[in-house]
Amino acid sequence: KIVFLKPVQLPFDAEKVTDRELCHDISSEIQEDMQKKINREIK
C-alpha cells in the first residue's frame, strides 16, 4: 500500500538553509508525523 500524504510547504526562504537547528526540527517533525501514520496503517 502506498499513501501520499498532504504536501508540506515550508514558510521559510533560502536564507534559512544554513540554520542547522531549524532544518533538524523540520526534518524530525516530518519524520514523527510519518511514523505516526505508519503505526496507524500497520495497526
Full PDB file with SEQRES, HELIX, SHEET, SSBOND, CRYST1, ORIGX, SCALE, CONECT and MASTER records, all heavy atoms in Angstrom:
SEQRES   1 A   43  LYS ILE VAL PHE LEU LYS PRO VAL GLN LEU PRO PHE ASP          
SEQRES   2 A   43  ALA GLU LYS VAL THR ASP ARG GLU LEU CYS HIS ASP ILE          
SEQRES   3 A   43  SER SER GLU ILE GLN GLU ASP MET GLN LYS LYS ILE ASN          
SEQRES   4 A   43  ARG GLU ILE LYS                                              
HELIX    1 AA1 ALA A   14  THR A   18  5                                   5    
HELIX    2 AA2 ARG A   20  ILE A   42  1                                  23    
CRYST1    1.000    1.000    1.000  90.00  90.00  90.00 P 1           1          
ORIGX1      1.000000  0.000000  0.000000        0.00000                         
ORIGX2      0.000000  1.000000  0.000000        0.00000                         
ORIGX3      0.000000  0.000000  1.000000        0.00000                         
SCALE1      1.000000  0.000000  0.000000        0.00000                         
SCALE2      0.000000  1.000000  0.000000        0.00000                         
SCALE3      0.000000  0.000000  1.000000        0.00000                         
ATOM      1  N   LYS A   1       0.853  -1.183   0.000  1.00  0.00           N  
ATOM      2  CA  LYS A   1       0.000   0.000   0.000  1.00  0.00           C  
ATOM      3  C   LYS A   1       0.892   1.238   0.000  1.00  0.00           C  
ATOM      4  O   LYS A   1       1.855   1.320   0.767  1.00  0.00           O  
ATOM      5  CB  LYS A   1      -0.912   0.026   1.235  1.00  0.00           C  
ATOM      6  CG  LYS A   1      -1.877   1.217   1.257  1.00  0.00           C  
ATOM      7  CD  LYS A   1      -2.823   1.143   2.463  1.00  0.00           C  
ATOM      8  CE  LYS A   1      -3.812   2.290   2.458  1.00  0.00           C  
ATOM      9  NZ  LYS A   1      -4.753   2.222   3.615  1.00  0.00           N  
ATOM     10  N   ILE A   2       0.573   2.184  -0.871  1.00  0.00           N  
ATOM     11  CA  ILE A   2       1.300   3.451  -0.944  1.00  0.00           C  
ATOM     12  C   ILE A   2       0.331   4.579  -0.638  1.00  0.00           C  
ATOM     13  O   ILE A   2      -0.753   4.659  -1.236  1.00  0.00           O  
ATOM     14  CB  ILE A   2       1.934   3.662  -2.329  1.00  0.00           C  
ATOM     15  CG1 ILE A   2       2.962   2.559  -2.617  1.00  0.00           C  
ATOM     16  CG2 ILE A   2       2.601   5.030  -2.420  1.00  0.00           C  
ATOM     17  CD1 ILE A   2       3.560   2.627  -4.009  1.00  0.00           C  
ATOM     18  N   VAL A   3       0.700   5.437   0.311  1.00  0.00           N  
ATOM     19  CA  VAL A   3      -0.152   6.554   0.715  1.00  0.00           C  
ATOM     20  C   VAL A   3       0.631   7.859   0.547  1.00  0.00           C  
ATOM     21  O   VAL A   3       1.676   8.049   1.181  1.00  0.00           O  
ATOM     22  CB  VAL A   3      -0.623   6.422   2.176  1.00  0.00           C  
ATOM     23  CG1 VAL A   3      -1.568   7.567   2.525  1.00  0.00           C  
ATOM     24  CG2 VAL A   3      -1.291   5.071   2.413  1.00  0.00           C  
ATOM     25  N   PHE A   4       0.129   8.744  -0.303  1.00  0.00           N  
ATOM     26  CA  PHE A   4       0.718  10.068  -0.469  1.00  0.00           C  
ATOM     27  C   PHE A   4      -0.005  11.025   0.475  1.00  0.00           C  
ATOM     28  O   PHE A   4      -1.218  11.245   0.343  1.00  0.00           O  
ATOM     29  CB  PHE A   4       0.574  10.547  -1.919  1.00  0.00           C  
ATOM     30  CG  PHE A   4       1.289   9.675  -2.915  1.00  0.00           C  
ATOM     31  CD1 PHE A   4       0.588   8.711  -3.636  1.00  0.00           C  
ATOM     32  CD2 PHE A   4       2.652   9.805  -3.124  1.00  0.00           C  
ATOM     33  CE1 PHE A   4       1.238   7.901  -4.554  1.00  0.00           C  
ATOM     34  CE2 PHE A   4       3.316   8.988  -4.041  1.00  0.00           C  
ATOM     35  CZ  PHE A   4       2.606   8.034  -4.760  1.00  0.00           C  
ATOM     36  N   LEU A   5       0.715  11.580   1.441  1.00  0.00           N  
ATOM     37  CA  LEU A   5       0.121  12.473   2.428  1.00  0.00           C  
ATOM     38  C   LEU A   5       0.039  13.902   1.881  1.00  0.00           C  
ATOM     39  O   LEU A   5       0.565  14.201   0.800  1.00  0.00           O  
ATOM     40  CB  LEU A   5       0.938  12.434   3.722  1.00  0.00           C  
ATOM     41  CG  LEU A   5       1.161  11.035   4.313  1.00  0.00           C  
ATOM     42  CD1 LEU A   5       1.975  11.129   5.605  1.00  0.00           C  
ATOM     43  CD2 LEU A   5      -0.159  10.326   4.563  1.00  0.00           C  
ATOM     44  N   LYS A   6      -0.605  14.768   2.620  1.00  0.00           N  
ATOM     45  CA  LYS A   6      -0.781  16.149   2.170  1.00  0.00           C  
ATOM     46  C   LYS A   6       0.572  16.850   2.044  1.00  0.00           C  
ATOM     47  O   LYS A   6       1.456  16.671   2.885  1.00  0.00           O  
ATOM     48  CB  LYS A   6      -1.690  16.901   3.142  1.00  0.00           C  
ATOM     49  CG  LYS A   6      -3.135  16.420   3.120  1.00  0.00           C  
ATOM     50  CD  LYS A   6      -4.012  17.264   4.039  1.00  0.00           C  
ATOM     51  CE  LYS A   6      -5.459  16.790   3.984  1.00  0.00           C  
ATOM     52  NZ  LYS A   6      -6.351  17.594   4.873  1.00  0.00           N  
ATOM     53  N   PRO A   7       0.741  17.646   0.989  1.00  0.00           N  
ATOM     54  CA  PRO A   7       2.022  18.320   0.774  1.00  0.00           C  
ATOM     55  C   PRO A   7       2.334  19.350   1.855  1.00  0.00           C  
ATOM     56  O   PRO A   7       1.435  19.964   2.427  1.00  0.00           O  
ATOM     57  CB  PRO A   7       1.844  18.987  -0.598  1.00  0.00           C  
ATOM     58  CG  PRO A   7       0.367  19.131  -0.767  1.00  0.00           C  
ATOM     59  CD  PRO A   7      -0.251  17.956  -0.065  1.00  0.00           C  
ATOM     60  N   VAL A   8       3.618  19.497   2.118  1.00  0.00           N  
ATOM     61  CA  VAL A   8       4.103  20.459   3.105  1.00  0.00           C  
ATOM     62  C   VAL A   8       4.809  21.597   2.369  1.00  0.00           C  
ATOM     63  O   VAL A   8       5.749  21.356   1.613  1.00  0.00           O  
ATOM     64  CB  VAL A   8       5.076  19.798   4.095  1.00  0.00           C  
ATOM     65  CG1 VAL A   8       5.637  20.824   5.074  1.00  0.00           C  
ATOM     66  CG2 VAL A   8       4.393  18.649   4.836  1.00  0.00           C  
ATOM     67  N   GLN A   9       4.360  22.813   2.596  1.00  0.00           N  
ATOM     68  CA  GLN A   9       5.012  23.999   2.043  1.00  0.00           C  
ATOM     69  C   GLN A   9       5.726  24.722   3.184  1.00  0.00           C  
ATOM     70  O   GLN A   9       5.082  25.239   4.104  1.00  0.00           O  
ATOM     71  CB  GLN A   9       3.994  24.927   1.392  1.00  0.00           C  
ATOM     72  CG  GLN A   9       4.607  26.178   0.775  1.00  0.00           C  
ATOM     73  CD  GLN A   9       5.359  25.886  -0.505  1.00  0.00           C  
ATOM     74  OE1 GLN A   9       4.764  25.535  -1.519  1.00  0.00           O  
ATOM     75  NE2 GLN A   9       6.671  26.030  -0.467  1.00  0.00           N  
ATOM     76  N   LEU A  10       7.026  24.737   3.148  1.00  0.00           N  
ATOM     77  CA  LEU A  10       7.794  25.349   4.241  1.00  0.00           C  
ATOM     78  C   LEU A  10       7.714  26.870   4.159  1.00  0.00           C  
ATOM     79  O   LEU A  10       7.942  27.452   3.094  1.00  0.00           O  
ATOM     80  CB  LEU A  10       9.256  24.907   4.177  1.00  0.00           C  
ATOM     81  CG  LEU A  10       9.508  23.398   4.297  1.00  0.00           C  
ATOM     82  CD1 LEU A  10      11.001  23.111   4.212  1.00  0.00           C  
ATOM     83  CD2 LEU A  10       8.932  22.845   5.591  1.00  0.00           C  
ATOM     84  N   PRO A  11       7.406  27.541   5.283  1.00  0.00           N  
ATOM     85  CA  PRO A  11       7.271  29.007   5.294  1.00  0.00           C  
ATOM     86  C   PRO A  11       8.607  29.717   5.522  1.00  0.00           C  
ATOM     87  O   PRO A  11       8.685  30.676   6.281  1.00  0.00           O  
ATOM     88  CB  PRO A  11       6.310  29.251   6.457  1.00  0.00           C  
ATOM     89  CG  PRO A  11       6.643  28.166   7.430  1.00  0.00           C  
ATOM     90  CD  PRO A  11       7.026  26.961   6.593  1.00  0.00           C  
ATOM     91  N   PHE A  12       9.659  29.196   4.865  1.00  0.00           N  
ATOM     92  CA  PHE A  12      10.984  29.785   5.044  1.00  0.00           C  
ATOM     93  C   PHE A  12      11.633  29.970   3.681  1.00  0.00           C  
ATOM     94  O   PHE A  12      11.412  29.181   2.761  1.00  0.00           O  
ATOM     95  CB  PHE A  12      11.868  28.881   5.918  1.00  0.00           C  
ATOM     96  CG  PHE A  12      11.264  28.537   7.248  1.00  0.00           C  
ATOM     97  CD1 PHE A  12      10.688  27.297   7.468  1.00  0.00           C  
ATOM     98  CD2 PHE A  12      11.273  29.457   8.289  1.00  0.00           C  
ATOM     99  CE1 PHE A  12      10.128  26.964   8.687  1.00  0.00           C  
ATOM    100  CE2 PHE A  12      10.710  29.143   9.517  1.00  0.00           C  
ATOM    101  CZ  PHE A  12      10.128  27.895   9.721  1.00  0.00           C  
ATOM    102  N   ASP A  13      12.460  31.006   3.570  1.00  0.00           N  
ATOM    103  CA  ASP A  13      13.146  31.234   2.305  1.00  0.00           C  
ATOM    104  C   ASP A  13      14.536  30.616   2.339  1.00  0.00           C  
ATOM    105  O   ASP A  13      14.948  29.997   3.324  1.00  0.00           O  
ATOM    106  CB  ASP A  13      13.225  32.726   1.980  1.00  0.00           C  
ATOM    107  CG  ASP A  13      13.874  33.537   3.100  1.00  0.00           C  
ATOM    108  OD1 ASP A  13      14.736  32.983   3.809  1.00  0.00           O  
ATOM    109  OD2 ASP A  13      13.502  34.719   3.270  1.00  0.00           O  
ATOM    110  N   ALA A  14      15.267  30.804   1.240  1.00  0.00           N  
ATOM    111  CA  ALA A  14      16.563  30.160   1.073  1.00  0.00           C  
ATOM    112  C   ALA A  14      17.594  30.605   2.104  1.00  0.00           C  
ATOM    113  O   ALA A  14      18.583  29.896   2.350  1.00  0.00           O  
ATOM    114  CB  ALA A  14      17.091  30.432  -0.337  1.00  0.00           C  
ATOM    115  N   GLU A  15      17.386  31.761   2.714  1.00  0.00           N  
ATOM    116  CA  GLU A  15      18.358  32.250   3.700  1.00  0.00           C  
ATOM    117  C   GLU A  15      18.432  31.348   4.935  1.00  0.00           C  
ATOM    118  O   GLU A  15      19.442  31.345   5.649  1.00  0.00           O  
ATOM    119  CB  GLU A  15      17.990  33.671   4.122  1.00  0.00           C  
ATOM    120  CG  GLU A  15      18.119  34.704   3.003  1.00  0.00           C  
ATOM    121  CD  GLU A  15      17.754  36.092   3.470  1.00  0.00           C  
ATOM    122  OE1 GLU A  15      17.360  36.234   4.645  1.00  0.00           O  
ATOM    123  OE2 GLU A  15      17.858  37.041   2.656  1.00  0.00           O  
ATOM    124  N   LYS A  16      17.374  30.584   5.185  1.00  0.00           N  
ATOM    125  CA  LYS A  16      17.322  29.720   6.361  1.00  0.00           C  
ATOM    126  C   LYS A  16      17.991  28.360   6.128  1.00  0.00           C  
ATOM    127  O   LYS A  16      18.027  27.524   7.021  1.00  0.00           O  
ATOM    128  CB  LYS A  16      15.868  29.498   6.779  1.00  0.00           C  
ATOM    129  CG  LYS A  16      15.174  30.754   7.304  1.00  0.00           C  
ATOM    130  CD  LYS A  16      15.750  31.184   8.634  1.00  0.00           C  
ATOM    131  CE  LYS A  16      14.979  32.341   9.226  1.00  0.00           C  
ATOM    132  NZ  LYS A  16      15.529  32.760  10.549  1.00  0.00           N  
ATOM    133  N   VAL A  17      18.511  28.146   4.922  1.00  0.00           N  
ATOM    134  CA  VAL A  17      19.063  26.842   4.589  1.00  0.00           C  
ATOM    135  C   VAL A  17      20.282  26.494   5.448  1.00  0.00           C  
ATOM    136  O   VAL A  17      20.604  25.322   5.643  1.00  0.00           O  
ATOM    137  CB  VAL A  17      19.416  26.774   3.085  1.00  0.00           C  
ATOM    138  CG1 VAL A  17      20.663  27.590   2.780  1.00  0.00           C  
ATOM    139  CG2 VAL A  17      19.593  25.336   2.630  1.00  0.00           C  
ATOM    140  N   THR A  18      20.958  27.510   5.967  1.00  0.00           N  
ATOM    141  CA  THR A  18      22.145  27.267   6.799  1.00  0.00           C  
ATOM    142  C   THR A  18      21.804  27.133   8.294  1.00  0.00           C  
ATOM    143  O   THR A  18      22.698  26.892   9.101  1.00  0.00           O  
ATOM    144  CB  THR A  18      23.159  28.415   6.625  1.00  0.00           C  
ATOM    145  OG1 THR A  18      22.540  29.652   6.956  1.00  0.00           O  
ATOM    146  CG2 THR A  18      23.676  28.456   5.186  1.00  0.00           C  
ATOM    147  N   ASP A  19      20.536  27.277   8.640  1.00  0.00           N  
ATOM    148  CA  ASP A  19      20.106  27.135  10.035  1.00  0.00           C  
ATOM    149  C   ASP A  19      19.942  25.643  10.338  1.00  0.00           C  
ATOM    150  O   ASP A  19      18.887  25.052  10.103  1.00  0.00           O  
ATOM    151  CB  ASP A  19      18.786  27.882  10.247  1.00  0.00           C  
ATOM    152  CG  ASP A  19      18.391  27.970  11.723  1.00  0.00           C  
ATOM    153  OD1 ASP A  19      18.774  27.073  12.498  1.00  0.00           O  
ATOM    154  OD2 ASP A  19      17.686  28.940  12.085  1.00  0.00           O  
ATOM    155  N   ARG A  20      20.979  25.042  10.866  1.00  0.00           N  
ATOM    156  CA  ARG A  20      21.000  23.595  11.078  1.00  0.00           C  
ATOM    157  C   ARG A  20      19.936  23.144  12.075  1.00  0.00           C  
ATOM    158  O   ARG A  20      19.303  22.099  11.896  1.00  0.00           O  
ATOM    159  CB  ARG A  20      22.385  23.168  11.553  1.00  0.00           C  
ATOM    160  CG  ARG A  20      23.497  23.464  10.555  1.00  0.00           C  
ATOM    161  CD  ARG A  20      24.852  23.015  11.065  1.00  0.00           C  
ATOM    162  NE  ARG A  20      24.901  21.581  11.277  1.00  0.00           N  
ATOM    163  CZ  ARG A  20      25.985  20.932  11.725  1.00  0.00           C  
ATOM    164  NH1 ARG A  20      27.076  21.613  12.038  1.00  0.00           N  
ATOM    165  NH2 ARG A  20      25.956  19.624  11.892  1.00  0.00           N  
ATOM    166  N   GLU A  21      19.736  23.936  13.114  1.00  0.00           N  
ATOM    167  CA  GLU A  21      18.735  23.567  14.123  1.00  0.00           C  
ATOM    168  C   GLU A  21      17.330  23.576  13.534  1.00  0.00           C  
ATOM    169  O   GLU A  21      16.531  22.669  13.793  1.00  0.00           O  
ATOM    170  CB  GLU A  21      18.821  24.523  15.306  1.00  0.00           C  
ATOM    171  CG  GLU A  21      17.886  24.139  16.457  1.00  0.00           C  
ATOM    172  CD  GLU A  21      18.039  25.026  17.672  1.00  0.00           C  
ATOM    173  OE1 GLU A  21      18.975  25.869  17.698  1.00  0.00           O  
ATOM    174  OE2 GLU A  21      17.234  24.883  18.617  1.00  0.00           O  
ATOM    175  N   LEU A  22      17.029  24.587  12.725  1.00  0.00           N  
ATOM    176  CA  LEU A  22      15.715  24.676  12.091  1.00  0.00           C  
ATOM    177  C   LEU A  22      15.494  23.500  11.145  1.00  0.00           C  
ATOM    178  O   LEU A  22      14.427  22.869  11.166  1.00  0.00           O  
ATOM    179  CB  LEU A  22      15.576  25.998  11.341  1.00  0.00           C  
ATOM    180  CG  LEU A  22      14.288  26.190  10.541  1.00  0.00           C  
ATOM    181  CD1 LEU A  22      13.073  26.178  11.469  1.00  0.00           C  
ATOM    182  CD2 LEU A  22      14.336  27.490   9.736  1.00  0.00           C  
ATOM    183  N   CYS A  23      16.486  23.213  10.318  1.00  0.00           N  
ATOM    184  CA  CYS A  23      16.367  22.107   9.371  1.00  0.00           C  
ATOM    185  C   CYS A  23      16.180  20.778  10.106  1.00  0.00           C  
ATOM    186  O   CYS A  23      15.394  19.928   9.682  1.00  0.00           O  
ATOM    187  CB  CYS A  23      17.599  22.043   8.473  1.00  0.00           C  
ATOM    188  SG  CYS A  23      17.743  23.424   7.320  1.00  0.00           S  
ATOM    189  N   HIS A  24      16.893  20.624  11.215  1.00  0.00           N  
ATOM    190  CA  HIS A  24      16.756  19.407  12.017  1.00  0.00           C  
ATOM    191  C   HIS A  24      15.357  19.283  12.610  1.00  0.00           C  
ATOM    192  O   HIS A  24      14.738  18.211  12.581  1.00  0.00           O  
ATOM    193  CB  HIS A  24      17.802  19.402  13.133  1.00  0.00           C  
ATOM    194  CG  HIS A  24      17.750  18.197  14.012  1.00  0.00           C  
ATOM    195  ND1 HIS A  24      16.909  18.115  15.115  1.00  0.00           N  
ATOM    196  CD2 HIS A  24      18.396  17.003  13.951  1.00  0.00           C  
ATOM    197  CE1 HIS A  24      17.050  16.937  15.682  1.00  0.00           C  
ATOM    198  NE2 HIS A  24      17.947  16.250  15.014  1.00  0.00           N  
ATOM    199  N   ASP A  25      14.830  20.391  13.113  1.00  0.00           N  
ATOM    200  CA  ASP A  25      13.493  20.373  13.723  1.00  0.00           C  
ATOM    201  C   ASP A  25      12.418  20.038  12.687  1.00  0.00           C  
ATOM    202  O   ASP A  25      11.493  19.265  12.968  1.00  0.00           O  
ATOM    203  CB  ASP A  25      13.195  21.734  14.372  1.00  0.00           C  
ATOM    204  CG  ASP A  25      14.016  21.973  15.634  1.00  0.00           C  
ATOM    205  OD1 ASP A  25      14.584  21.000  16.161  1.00  0.00           O  
ATOM    206  OD2 ASP A  25      14.092  23.138  16.078  1.00  0.00           O  
ATOM    207  N   ILE A  26      12.532  20.623  11.501  1.00  0.00           N  
ATOM    208  CA  ILE A  26      11.545  20.361  10.436  1.00  0.00           C  
ATOM    209  C   ILE A  26      11.614  18.900  10.011  1.00  0.00           C  
ATOM    210  O   ILE A  26      10.586  18.220   9.875  1.00  0.00           O  
ATOM    211  CB  ILE A  26      11.788  21.278   9.229  1.00  0.00           C  
ATOM    212  CG1 ILE A  26      11.527  22.733   9.614  1.00  0.00           C  
ATOM    213  CG2 ILE A  26      10.902  20.868   8.056  1.00  0.00           C  
ATOM    214  CD1 ILE A  26      11.941  23.733   8.550  1.00  0.00           C  
ATOM    215  N   SER A  27      12.836  18.409   9.800  1.00  0.00           N  
ATOM    216  CA  SER A  27      13.024  17.021   9.402  1.00  0.00           C  
ATOM    217  C   SER A  27      12.462  16.066  10.448  1.00  0.00           C  
ATOM    218  O   SER A  27      11.764  15.098  10.117  1.00  0.00           O  
ATOM    219  CB  SER A  27      14.517  16.745   9.189  1.00  0.00           C  
ATOM    220  OG  SER A  27      14.755  15.381   8.938  1.00  0.00           O  
ATOM    221  N   SER A  28      12.727  16.351  11.715  1.00  0.00           N  
ATOM    222  CA  SER A  28      12.248  15.492  12.807  1.00  0.00           C  
ATOM    223  C   SER A  28      10.725  15.507  12.906  1.00  0.00           C  
ATOM    224  O   SER A  28      10.089  14.478  13.181  1.00  0.00           O  
ATOM    225  CB  SER A  28      12.860  15.940  14.141  1.00  0.00           C  
ATOM    226  OG  SER A  28      14.261  15.808  14.125  1.00  0.00           O  
ATOM    227  N   GLU A  29      10.129  16.673  12.662  1.00  0.00           N  
ATOM    228  CA  GLU A  29       8.665  16.780  12.730  1.00  0.00           C  
ATOM    229  C   GLU A  29       8.008  15.977  11.614  1.00  0.00           C  
ATOM    230  O   GLU A  29       7.009  15.276  11.843  1.00  0.00           O  
ATOM    231  CB  GLU A  29       8.251  18.250  12.636  1.00  0.00           C  
ATOM    232  CG  GLU A  29       6.756  18.455  12.789  1.00  0.00           C  
ATOM    233  CD  GLU A  29       6.355  19.918  12.792  1.00  0.00           C  
ATOM    234  OE1 GLU A  29       7.256  20.784  12.886  1.00  0.00           O  
ATOM    235  OE2 GLU A  29       5.137  20.209  12.699  1.00  0.00           O  
ATOM    236  N   ILE A  30       8.573  16.056  10.405  1.00  0.00           N  
ATOM    237  CA  ILE A  30       8.033  15.286   9.280  1.00  0.00           C  
ATOM    238  C   ILE A  30       8.199  13.789   9.546  1.00  0.00           C  
ATOM    239  O   ILE A  30       7.285  12.993   9.295  1.00  0.00           O  
ATOM    240  CB  ILE A  30       8.716  15.694   7.967  1.00  0.00           C  
ATOM    241  CG1 ILE A  30       8.317  17.130   7.594  1.00  0.00           C  
ATOM    242  CG2 ILE A  30       8.335  14.736   6.836  1.00  0.00           C  
ATOM    243  CD1 ILE A  30       9.043  17.681   6.378  1.00  0.00           C  
ATOM    244  N   GLN A  31       9.355  13.411  10.082  1.00  0.00           N  
ATOM    245  CA  GLN A  31       9.593  12.007  10.406  1.00  0.00           C  
ATOM    246  C   GLN A  31       8.606  11.514  11.457  1.00  0.00           C  
ATOM    247  O   GLN A  31       8.052  10.408  11.337  1.00  0.00           O  
ATOM    248  CB  GLN A  31      11.026  11.818  10.913  1.00  0.00           C  
ATOM    249  CG  GLN A  31      11.328  10.384  11.326  1.00  0.00           C  
ATOM    250  CD  GLN A  31      12.761  10.195  11.792  1.00  0.00           C  
ATOM    251  OE1 GLN A  31      13.625  11.024  11.515  1.00  0.00           O  
ATOM    252  NE2 GLN A  31      13.029   9.108  12.495  1.00  0.00           N  
ATOM    253  N   GLU A  32       8.369  12.315  12.473  1.00  0.00           N  
ATOM    254  CA  GLU A  32       7.431  11.932  13.531  1.00  0.00           C  
ATOM    255  C   GLU A  32       6.014  11.757  12.985  1.00  0.00           C  
ATOM    256  O   GLU A  32       5.320  10.788  13.329  1.00  0.00           O  
ATOM    257  CB  GLU A  32       7.436  12.987  14.633  1.00  0.00           C  
ATOM    258  CG  GLU A  32       6.564  12.639  15.826  1.00  0.00           C  
ATOM    259  CD  GLU A  32       6.616  13.690  16.931  1.00  0.00           C  
ATOM    260  OE1 GLU A  32       7.506  14.559  16.883  1.00  0.00           O  
ATOM    261  OE2 GLU A  32       5.760  13.634  17.841  1.00  0.00           O  
ATOM    262  N   ASP A  33       5.586  12.668  12.131  1.00  0.00           N  
ATOM    263  CA  ASP A  33       4.245  12.565  11.537  1.00  0.00           C  
ATOM    264  C   ASP A  33       4.125  11.306  10.674  1.00  0.00           C  
ATOM    265  O   ASP A  33       3.088  10.621  10.696  1.00  0.00           O  
ATOM    266  CB  ASP A  33       3.945  13.807  10.695  1.00  0.00           C  
ATOM    267  CG  ASP A  33       3.739  15.058  11.550  1.00  0.00           C  
ATOM    268  OD1 ASP A  33       3.497  14.908  12.769  1.00  0.00           O  
ATOM    269  OD2 ASP A  33       3.830  16.169  11.004  1.00  0.00           O  
ATOM    270  N   MET A  34       5.173  11.005   9.910  1.00  0.00           N  
ATOM    271  CA  MET A  34       5.151   9.812   9.067  1.00  0.00           C  
ATOM    272  C   MET A  34       5.137   8.542   9.909  1.00  0.00           C  
ATOM    273  O   MET A  34       4.438   7.573   9.577  1.00  0.00           O  
ATOM    274  CB  MET A  34       6.356   9.819   8.120  1.00  0.00           C  
ATOM    275  CG  MET A  34       6.254  10.845   7.002  1.00  0.00           C  
ATOM    276  SD  MET A  34       7.727  10.897   5.945  1.00  0.00           S  
ATOM    277  CE  MET A  34       7.750   9.231   5.271  1.00  0.00           C  
ATOM    278  N   GLN A  35       5.889   8.542  11.004  1.00  0.00           N  
ATOM    279  CA  GLN A  35       5.919   7.362  11.871  1.00  0.00           C  
ATOM    280  C   GLN A  35       4.549   7.101  12.487  1.00  0.00           C  
ATOM    281  O   GLN A  35       4.102   5.945  12.567  1.00  0.00           O  
ATOM    282  CB  GLN A  35       6.962   7.543  12.979  1.00  0.00           C  
ATOM    283  CG  GLN A  35       7.162   6.320  13.854  1.00  0.00           C  
ATOM    284  CD  GLN A  35       7.792   5.164  13.109  1.00  0.00           C  
ATOM    285  OE1 GLN A  35       8.952   5.214  12.738  1.00  0.00           O  
ATOM    286  NE2 GLN A  35       7.019   4.096  12.890  1.00  0.00           N  
ATOM    287  N   LYS A  36       3.855   8.157  12.894  1.00  0.00           N  
ATOM    288  CA  LYS A  36       2.512   8.004  13.447  1.00  0.00           C  
ATOM    289  C   LYS A  36       1.561   7.418  12.404  1.00  0.00           C  
ATOM    290  O   LYS A  36       0.737   6.549  12.713  1.00  0.00           O  
ATOM    291  CB  LYS A  36       1.987   9.354  13.940  1.00  0.00           C  
ATOM    292  CG  LYS A  36       2.678   9.873  15.193  1.00  0.00           C  
ATOM    293  CD  LYS A  36       2.126  11.239  15.591  1.00  0.00           C  
ATOM    294  CE  LYS A  36       2.805  11.763  16.849  1.00  0.00           C  
ATOM    295  NZ  LYS A  36       2.324  13.130  17.212  1.00  0.00           N  
ATOM    296  N   LYS A  37       1.676   7.894  11.168  1.00  0.00           N  
ATOM    297  CA  LYS A  37       0.826   7.386  10.092  1.00  0.00           C  
ATOM    298  C   LYS A  37       1.145   5.921   9.798  1.00  0.00           C  
ATOM    299  O   LYS A  37       0.235   5.101   9.605  1.00  0.00           O  
ATOM    300  CB  LYS A  37       1.025   8.235   8.832  1.00  0.00           C  
ATOM    301  CG  LYS A  37       0.229   7.761   7.622  1.00  0.00           C  
ATOM    302  CD  LYS A  37      -1.273   7.850   7.851  1.00  0.00           C  
ATOM    303  CE  LYS A  37      -2.035   7.490   6.583  1.00  0.00           C  
ATOM    304  NZ  LYS A  37      -3.509   7.470   6.802  1.00  0.00           N  
ATOM    305  N   ILE A  38       2.421   5.573   9.774  1.00  0.00           N  
ATOM    306  CA  ILE A  38       2.822   4.181   9.563  1.00  0.00           C  
ATOM    307  C   ILE A  38       2.252   3.290  10.660  1.00  0.00           C  
ATOM    308  O   ILE A  38       1.695   2.211  10.384  1.00  0.00           O  
ATOM    309  CB  ILE A  38       4.361   4.061   9.526  1.00  0.00           C  
ATOM    310  CG1 ILE A  38       4.905   4.657   8.232  1.00  0.00           C  
ATOM    311  CG2 ILE A  38       4.796   2.598   9.647  1.00  0.00           C  
ATOM    312  CD1 ILE A  38       6.420   4.711   8.165  1.00  0.00           C  
ATOM    313  N   ASN A  39       2.369   3.729  11.900  1.00  0.00           N  
ATOM    314  CA  ASN A  39       1.869   2.931  13.023  1.00  0.00           C  
ATOM    315  C   ASN A  39       0.365   2.691  12.914  1.00  0.00           C  
ATOM    316  O   ASN A  39      -0.121   1.582  13.187  1.00  0.00           O  
ATOM    317  CB  ASN A  39       2.179   3.636  14.349  1.00  0.00           C  
ATOM    318  CG  ASN A  39       3.673   3.717  14.639  1.00  0.00           C  
ATOM    319  OD1 ASN A  39       4.465   3.003  14.031  1.00  0.00           O  
ATOM    320  ND2 ASN A  39       4.057   4.591  15.551  1.00  0.00           N  
ATOM    321  N   ARG A  40      -0.386   3.725  12.507  1.00  0.00           N  
ATOM    322  CA  ARG A  40      -1.843   3.572  12.348  1.00  0.00           C  
ATOM    323  C   ARG A  40      -2.168   2.597  11.218  1.00  0.00           C  
ATOM    324  O   ARG A  40      -3.054   1.740  11.355  1.00  0.00           O  
ATOM    325  CB  ARG A  40      -2.494   4.934  12.077  1.00  0.00           C  
ATOM    326  CG  ARG A  40      -2.515   5.863  13.285  1.00  0.00           C  
ATOM    327  CD  ARG A  40      -3.484   7.011  13.074  1.00  0.00           C  
ATOM    328  NE  ARG A  40      -3.081   7.861  11.958  1.00  0.00           N  
ATOM    329  CZ  ARG A  40      -2.312   8.939  12.077  1.00  0.00           C  
ATOM    330  NH1 ARG A  40      -1.840   9.301  13.267  1.00  0.00           N  
ATOM    331  NH2 ARG A  40      -2.000   9.674  11.017  1.00  0.00           N  
ATOM    332  N   GLU A  41      -1.453   2.723  10.112  1.00  0.00           N  
ATOM    333  CA  GLU A  41      -1.706   1.847   8.970  1.00  0.00           C  
ATOM    334  C   GLU A  41      -1.387   0.391   9.314  1.00  0.00           C  
ATOM    335  O   GLU A  41      -2.140  -0.513   8.950  1.00  0.00           O  
ATOM    336  CB  GLU A  41      -0.872   2.297   7.768  1.00  0.00           C  
ATOM    337  CG  GLU A  41      -1.328   3.617   7.140  1.00  0.00           C  
ATOM    338  CD  GLU A  41      -2.616   3.469   6.350  1.00  0.00           C  
ATOM    339  OE1 GLU A  41      -2.982   2.325   6.010  1.00  0.00           O  
ATOM    340  OE2 GLU A  41      -3.258   4.501   6.074  1.00  0.00           O  
ATOM    341  N   ILE A  42      -0.271   0.169   9.996  1.00  0.00           N  
ATOM    342  CA  ILE A  42       0.122  -1.188  10.375  1.00  0.00           C  
ATOM    343  C   ILE A  42      -0.908  -1.804  11.320  1.00  0.00           C  
ATOM    344  O   ILE A  42      -1.276  -2.981  11.195  1.00  0.00           O  
ATOM    345  CB  ILE A  42       1.516  -1.179  11.042  1.00  0.00           C  
ATOM    346  CG1 ILE A  42       2.597  -0.788  10.030  1.00  0.00           C  
ATOM    347  CG2 ILE A  42       1.826  -2.548  11.643  1.00  0.00           C  
ATOM    348  CD1 ILE A  42       2.749  -1.742   8.880  1.00  0.00           C  
ATOM    349  N   LYS A  43      -1.393  -1.008  12.253  1.00  0.00           N  
ATOM    350  CA  LYS A  43      -2.395  -1.491  13.214  1.00  0.00           C  
ATOM    351  C   LYS A  43      -3.683  -1.873  12.513  1.00  0.00           C  
ATOM    352  O   LYS A  43      -4.320  -2.889  12.844  1.00  0.00           O  
ATOM    353  CB  LYS A  43      -2.656  -0.416  14.263  1.00  0.00           C  
ATOM    354  CG  LYS A  43      -3.642  -0.832  15.339  1.00  0.00           C  
ATOM    355  CD  LYS A  43      -3.840   0.270  16.368  1.00  0.00           C  
ATOM    356  CE  LYS A  43      -4.834  -0.159  17.436  1.00  0.00           C  
ATOM    357  NZ  LYS A  43      -5.035   0.924  18.459  1.00  0.00           N  
TER     358      LYS A  43                                                      
MASTER        0    0    0    2    0    0    0    6  357    1    0    4          
END                                                                             
